[in-house]
Amino acid sequence: MSQVNGTTRSVLIIDDDLGYAESLADLLQPKGYTATIVDTPDRALALLREPPEGTSRAPVALVDVRLGGVESGVDLIPRLRDAQPELICVLMTTAIDGPTAITALRNRAYEYFDKAWEPHALFAMLDRCFERVALQRGHAAHEALLLAKEKWWRGKGRGRKRV
């Protein structure tokens, strides 16, 4: 798998239009991305909760706004982030409108992307997503190191006599 800054470039595509999703995955593959395609919210949530043996969770999800069935991609984002809080969700649609974009951002979508994308714009957007993933992971590692040092220093002070 291809990596950028130590981050695997794995993308979860959630779209009920499997032809579009497969075309998108085919476009991503030569650029070093691995894509997993699911066509329903339930399958996406199941995959995030329990990834198949030997695989890791994708850090980025491309979510179609209009999924077949009751739930929209906009409504799915909070459930996806409940299953995987660090997941970066990008909404894809053919018709961008203001109210949907505002709701998507309130639901913590990272970006709102037009399905009629130009390949260079798609890859630029994914680069931004994976830069953010790398920053999040670096921040988490640094925070864990600081907590470990703090715990060590607290432990050193316990055995001393106070005068």
C-alpha atoms as a PDB file:
ATOM      1  CA  MET A   1       0.000   0.000   0.000  1.00  0.00           C
ATOM      2  CA  SER A   2       1.165   3.479  -0.775  1.00  0.00           C
ATOM      3  CA  GLN A   3       1.893   5.818   2.107  1.00  0.00           C
ATOM      4  CA  VAL A   4       2.276   9.544   2.540  1.00  0.00           C
ATOM      5  CA  ASN A   5       3.973  10.764   5.736  1.00  0.00           C
ATOM      6  CA  GLY A   6       3.543   7.242   7.151  1.00  0.00           C
ATOM      7  CA  THR A   7      -0.181   7.256   6.392  1.00  0.00           C
ATOM      8  CA  THR A   8      -1.702   4.556   4.209  1.00  0.00           C
ATOM      9  CA  ARG A   9      -3.733   6.118   1.431  1.00  0.00           C
ATOM     10  CA  SER A  10      -6.835   4.043   1.893  1.00  0.00           C
ATOM     11  CA  VAL A  11     -10.244   5.460   0.968  1.00  0.00           C
ATOM     12  CA  LEU A  12     -13.738   4.187   1.748  1.00  0.00           C
ATOM     13  CA  ILE A  13     -16.195   5.001  -1.053  1.00  0.00           C
ATOM     14  CA  ILE A  14     -19.849   4.985   0.024  1.00  0.00           C
ATOM     15  CA  ASP A  15     -22.095   5.256  -3.017  1.00  0.00           C
ATOM     16  CA  ASP A  16     -25.159   3.352  -4.182  1.00  0.00           C
ATOM     17  CA  ASP A  17     -24.080   3.914  -7.809  1.00  0.00           C
ATOM     18  CA  LEU A  18     -21.588   1.053  -8.037  1.00  0.00           C
ATOM     19  CA  GLY A  19     -20.580   1.955 -11.593  1.00  0.00           C
ATOM     20  CA  TYR A  20     -19.509   5.422 -10.495  1.00  0.00           C
ATOM     21  CA  ALA A  21     -17.809   4.070  -7.360  1.00  0.00           C
ATOM     22  CA  GLU A  22     -15.838   1.501  -9.366  1.00  0.00           C
ATOM     23  CA  SER A  23     -14.784   4.151 -11.892  1.00  0.00           C
ATOM     24  CA  LEU A  24     -13.596   6.345  -9.037  1.00  0.00           C
ATOM     25  CA  ALA A  25     -11.675   3.437  -7.468  1.00  0.00           C
ATOM     26  CA  ASP A  26     -10.080   2.679 -10.860  1.00  0.00           C
ATOM     27  CA  LEU A  27      -8.950   6.297 -11.119  1.00  0.00           C
ATOM     28  CA  LEU A  28      -7.463   6.270  -7.620  1.00  0.00           C
ATOM     29  CA  GLN A  29      -5.556   2.991  -7.904  1.00  0.00           C
ATOM     30  CA  PRO A  30      -2.772   4.104 -10.300  1.00  0.00           C
ATOM     31  CA  LYS A  31      -2.065   7.054  -7.996  1.00  0.00           C
ATOM     32  CA  GLY A  32      -1.356   4.705  -5.087  1.00  0.00           C
ATOM     33  CA  TYR A  33      -4.700   4.781  -3.321  1.00  0.00           C
ATOM     34  CA  THR A  34      -6.559   1.697  -2.213  1.00  0.00           C
ATOM     35  CA  ALA A  35     -10.323   1.960  -2.289  1.00  0.00           C
ATOM     36  CA  THR A  36     -13.014  -0.075  -0.616  1.00  0.00           C
ATOM     37  CA  ILE A  37     -16.517   0.331  -2.025  1.00  0.00           C
ATOM     38  CA  VAL A  38     -19.753  -0.095  -0.092  1.00  0.00           C
ATOM     39  CA  ASP A  39     -23.220   0.721  -1.364  1.00  0.00           C
ATOM     40  CA  THR A  40     -25.249   1.162   1.826  1.00  0.00           C
ATOM     41  CA  PRO A  41     -24.863   3.019   5.122  1.00  0.00           C
ATOM     42  CA  ASP A  42     -25.211  -0.240   7.079  1.00  0.00           C
ATOM     43  CA  ARG A  43     -22.336  -1.863   5.180  1.00  0.00           C
ATOM     44  CA  ALA A  44     -20.169   1.206   5.708  1.00  0.00           C
ATOM     45  CA  LEU A  45     -20.825   1.224   9.450  1.00  0.00           C
ATOM     46  CA  ALA A  46     -20.196  -2.516   9.735  1.00  0.00           C
ATOM     47  CA  LEU A  47     -16.885  -2.128   7.911  1.00  0.00           C
ATOM     48  CA  LEU A  48     -15.783   0.720  10.170  1.00  0.00           C
ATOM     49  CA  ARG A  49     -16.758  -1.128  13.324  1.00  0.00           C
ATOM     50  CA  GLU A  50     -15.119  -4.403  12.319  1.00  0.00           C
ATOM     51  CA  PRO A  51     -12.624  -4.186   9.459  1.00  0.00           C
ATOM     52  CA  PRO A  52     -11.826  -7.508   7.776  1.00  0.00           C
ATOM     53  CA  GLU A  53      -8.908  -9.474   9.224  1.00  0.00           C
ATOM     54  CA  GLY A  54      -5.550  -8.092   8.155  1.00  0.00           C
ATOM     55  CA  THR A  55      -6.892  -4.692   7.087  1.00  0.00           C
ATOM     56  CA  SER A  56      -7.051  -1.336   8.796  1.00  0.00           C
ATOM     57  CA  ARG A  57      -9.776   1.255   8.766  1.00  0.00           C
ATOM     58  CA  ALA A  58      -9.681   3.784   5.953  1.00  0.00           C
ATOM     59  CA  PRO A  59      -8.937   7.252   7.357  1.00  0.00           C
ATOM     60  CA  VAL A  60     -10.921   8.993   4.579  1.00  0.00           C
ATOM     61  CA  ALA A  61     -14.465   8.336   3.367  1.00  0.00           C
ATOM     62  CA  LEU A  62     -15.987   9.683   0.159  1.00  0.00           C
ATOM     63  CA  VAL A  63     -19.726   9.719   0.820  1.00  0.00           C
ATOM     64  CA  ASP A  64     -22.434  10.263  -1.787  1.00  0.00           C
ATOM     65  CA  VAL A  65     -25.029  12.790  -0.629  1.00  0.00           C
ATOM     66  CA  ARG A  66     -27.926  10.894  -2.185  1.00  0.00           C
ATOM     67  CA  LEU A  67     -27.719   7.286  -1.084  1.00  0.00           C
ATOM     68  CA  GLY A  68     -30.539   4.956  -2.066  1.00  0.00           C
ATOM     69  CA  GLY A  69     -32.936   4.348   0.786  1.00  0.00           C
ATOM     70  CA  VAL A  70     -33.981   6.452   3.729  1.00  0.00           C
ATOM     71  CA  GLU A  71     -30.677   7.949   4.887  1.00  0.00           C
ATOM     72  CA  SER A  72     -28.713  10.622   3.049  1.00  0.00           C
ATOM     73  CA  GLY A  73     -24.948  10.905   3.082  1.00  0.00           C
ATOM     74  CA  VAL A  74     -25.289  14.120   5.081  1.00  0.00           C
ATOM     75  CA  ASP A  75     -27.254  12.299   7.788  1.00  0.00           C
ATOM     76  CA  LEU A  76     -24.809   9.374   7.720  1.00  0.00           C
ATOM     77  CA  ILE A  77     -21.735  11.441   8.665  1.00  0.00           C
ATOM     78  CA  PRO A  78     -22.429  11.635  12.431  1.00  0.00           C
ATOM     79  CA  ARG A  79     -22.944   7.861  12.549  1.00  0.00           C
ATOM     80  CA  LEU A  80     -19.717   7.267  10.614  1.00  0.00           C
ATOM     81  CA  ARG A  81     -17.827   9.547  12.998  1.00  0.00           C
ATOM     82  CA  ASP A  82     -19.384   7.793  16.005  1.00  0.00           C
ATOM     83  CA  ALA A  83     -17.989   4.517  14.647  1.00  0.00           C
ATOM     84  CA  GLN A  84     -14.590   6.088  13.845  1.00  0.00           C
ATOM     85  CA  PRO A  85     -14.149   9.565  15.391  1.00  0.00           C
ATOM     86  CA  GLU A  86     -11.001  10.455  13.439  1.00  0.00           C
ATOM     87  CA  LEU A  87     -12.596   9.624  10.054  1.00  0.00           C
ATOM     88  CA  ILE A  88     -12.405  12.413   7.492  1.00  0.00           C
ATOM     89  CA  CYS A  89     -15.671  12.516   5.538  1.00  0.00           C
ATOM     90  CA  VAL A  90     -15.946  14.179   2.146  1.00  0.00           C
ATOM     91  CA  LEU A  91     -19.418  14.494   0.632  1.00  0.00           C
ATOM     92  CA  MET A  92     -19.826  13.962  -3.096  1.00  0.00           C
ATOM     93  CA  THR A  93     -22.786  15.138  -5.154  1.00  0.00           C
ATOM     94  CA  THR A  94     -23.792  16.247  -8.614  1.00  0.00           C
ATOM     95  CA  ALA A  95     -25.855  19.163  -7.327  1.00  0.00           C
ATOM     96  CA  ILE A  96     -24.293  21.404  -4.715  1.00  0.00           C
ATOM     97  CA  ASP A  97     -26.779  23.584  -2.856  1.00  0.00           C
ATOM     98  CA  GLY A  98     -26.275  25.950   0.047  1.00  0.00           C
ATOM     99  CA  PRO A  99     -28.540  24.401   2.704  1.00  0.00           C
ATOM    100  CA  THR A 100     -27.159  20.898   2.143  1.00  0.00           C
ATOM    101  CA  ALA A 101     -23.585  22.195   2.269  1.00  0.00           C
ATOM    102  CA  ILE A 102     -24.269  24.022   5.534  1.00  0.00           C
ATOM    103  CA  THR A 103     -25.853  20.932   7.099  1.00  0.00           C
ATOM    104  CA  ALA A 104     -22.932  18.812   5.902  1.00  0.00           C
ATOM    105  CA  LEU A 105     -20.412  21.140   7.515  1.00  0.00           C
ATOM    106  CA  ARG A 106     -22.421  21.215  10.735  1.00  0.00           C
ATOM    107  CA  ASN A 107     -22.312  17.404  10.697  1.00  0.00           C
ATOM    108  CA  ARG A 108     -18.507  17.724  10.523  1.00  0.00           C
ATOM    109  CA  ALA A 109     -17.940  16.927   6.866  1.00  0.00           C
ATOM    110  CA  TYR A 110     -14.389  17.890   5.969  1.00  0.00           C
ATOM    111  CA  GLU A 111     -15.249  18.978   2.460  1.00  0.00           C
ATOM    112  CA  TYR A 112     -18.098  19.038  -0.045  1.00  0.00           C
ATOM    113  CA  PHE A 113     -17.053  17.857  -3.500  1.00  0.00           C
ATOM    114  CA  ASP A 114     -18.779  17.997  -6.887  1.00  0.00           C
ATOM    115  CA  LYS A 115     -18.962  14.581  -8.592  1.00  0.00           C
ATOM    116  CA  ALA A 116     -18.217  16.278 -11.901  1.00  0.00           C
ATOM    117  CA  TRP A 117     -14.648  16.741 -10.641  1.00  0.00           C
ATOM    118  CA  GLU A 118     -11.532  17.212 -12.614  1.00  0.00           C
ATOM    119  CA  PRO A 119      -8.974  14.542 -11.680  1.00  0.00           C
ATOM    120  CA  HIS A 120      -6.388  17.115 -10.548  1.00  0.00           C
ATOM    121  CA  ALA A 121      -8.954  18.689  -8.191  1.00  0.00           C
ATOM    122  CA  LEU A 122      -9.869  15.273  -6.777  1.00  0.00           C
ATOM    123  CA  PHE A 123      -6.228  14.411  -6.065  1.00  0.00           C
ATOM    124  CA  ALA A 124      -5.559  17.852  -4.569  1.00  0.00           C
ATOM    125  CA  MET A 125      -8.528  17.376  -2.238  1.00  0.00           C
ATOM    126  CA  LEU A 126      -7.337  13.877  -1.255  1.00  0.00           C
ATOM    127  CA  ASP A 127      -3.832  15.224  -0.628  1.00  0.00           C
ATOM    128  CA  ARG A 128      -5.345  17.745   1.815  1.00  0.00           C
ATOM    129  CA  CYS A 129      -7.289  14.955   3.523  1.00  0.00           C
ATOM    130  CA  PHE A 130      -4.222  12.784   3.986  1.00  0.00           C
ATOM    131  CA  GLU A 131      -2.114  15.713   5.172  1.00  0.00           C
ATOM    132  CA  ARG A 132      -4.749  16.228   7.856  1.00  0.00           C
ATOM    133  CA  VAL A 133      -4.669  12.509   8.736  1.00  0.00           C
ATOM    134  CA  ALA A 134      -0.885  12.696   9.153  1.00  0.00           C
ATOM    135  CA  LEU A 135      -1.205  15.801  11.344  1.00  0.00           C
ATOM    136  CA  GLN A 136      -3.893  14.156  13.500  1.00  0.00           C
ATOM    137  CA  ARG A 137      -1.770  11.040  13.991  1.00  0.00           C
ATOM    138  CA  GLY A 138       1.330  13.082  14.749  1.00  0.00           C
ATOM    139  CA  HIS A 139      -0.597  15.143  17.284  1.00  0.00           C
ATOM    140  CA  ALA A 140      -1.984  12.003  18.958  1.00  0.00           C
ATOM    141  CA  ALA A 141       1.496  10.447  19.167  1.00  0.00           C
ATOM    142  CA  HIS A 142       2.972  13.640  20.626  1.00  0.00           C
ATOM    143  CA  GLU A 143       0.160  13.890  23.171  1.00  0.00           C
ATOM    144  CA  ALA A 144       0.700  10.254  24.234  1.00  0.00           C
ATOM    145  CA  LEU A 145       4.426  10.928  24.687  1.00  0.00           C
ATOM    146  CA  LEU A 146       3.731  13.984  26.845  1.00  0.00           C
ATOM    147  CA  LEU A 147       1.301  12.009  29.013  1.00  0.00           C
ATOM    148  CA  ALA A 148       3.852   9.208  29.459  1.00  0.00           C
ATOM    149  CA  LYS A 149       6.535  11.725  30.490  1.00  0.00           C
ATOM    150  CA  GLU A 150       4.146  13.385  32.923  1.00  0.00           C
ATOM    151  CA  LYS A 151       3.296  10.010  34.482  1.00  0.00           C
ATOM    152  CA  TRP A 152       6.994   9.165  34.786  1.00  0.00           C
ATOM    153  CA  TRP A 153       7.777  12.487  36.483  1.00  0.00           C
ATOM    154  CA  ARG A 154       4.899  12.069  38.922  1.00  0.00           C
ATOM    155  CA  GLY A 155       6.177   8.598  39.800  1.00  0.00           C
ATOM    156  CA  LYS A 156       9.705   9.911  40.462  1.00  0.00           C
ATOM    157  CA  GLY A 157       8.450  12.431  43.002  1.00  0.00           C
ATOM    158  CA  ARG A 158       6.530   9.921  45.125  1.00  0.00           C
ATOM    159  CA  GLY A 159       9.530   8.239  46.707  1.00  0.00           C
ATOM    160  CA  ARG A 160      11.212  11.437  47.946  1.00  0.00           C
ATOM    161  CA  LYS A 161      11.219  12.641  51.496  1.00  0.00           C
ATOM    162  CA  ARG A 162       9.981  16.109  52.096  1.00  0.00           C
ATOM    163  CA  VAL A 163      11.911  18.296  54.465  1.00  0.00           C
END
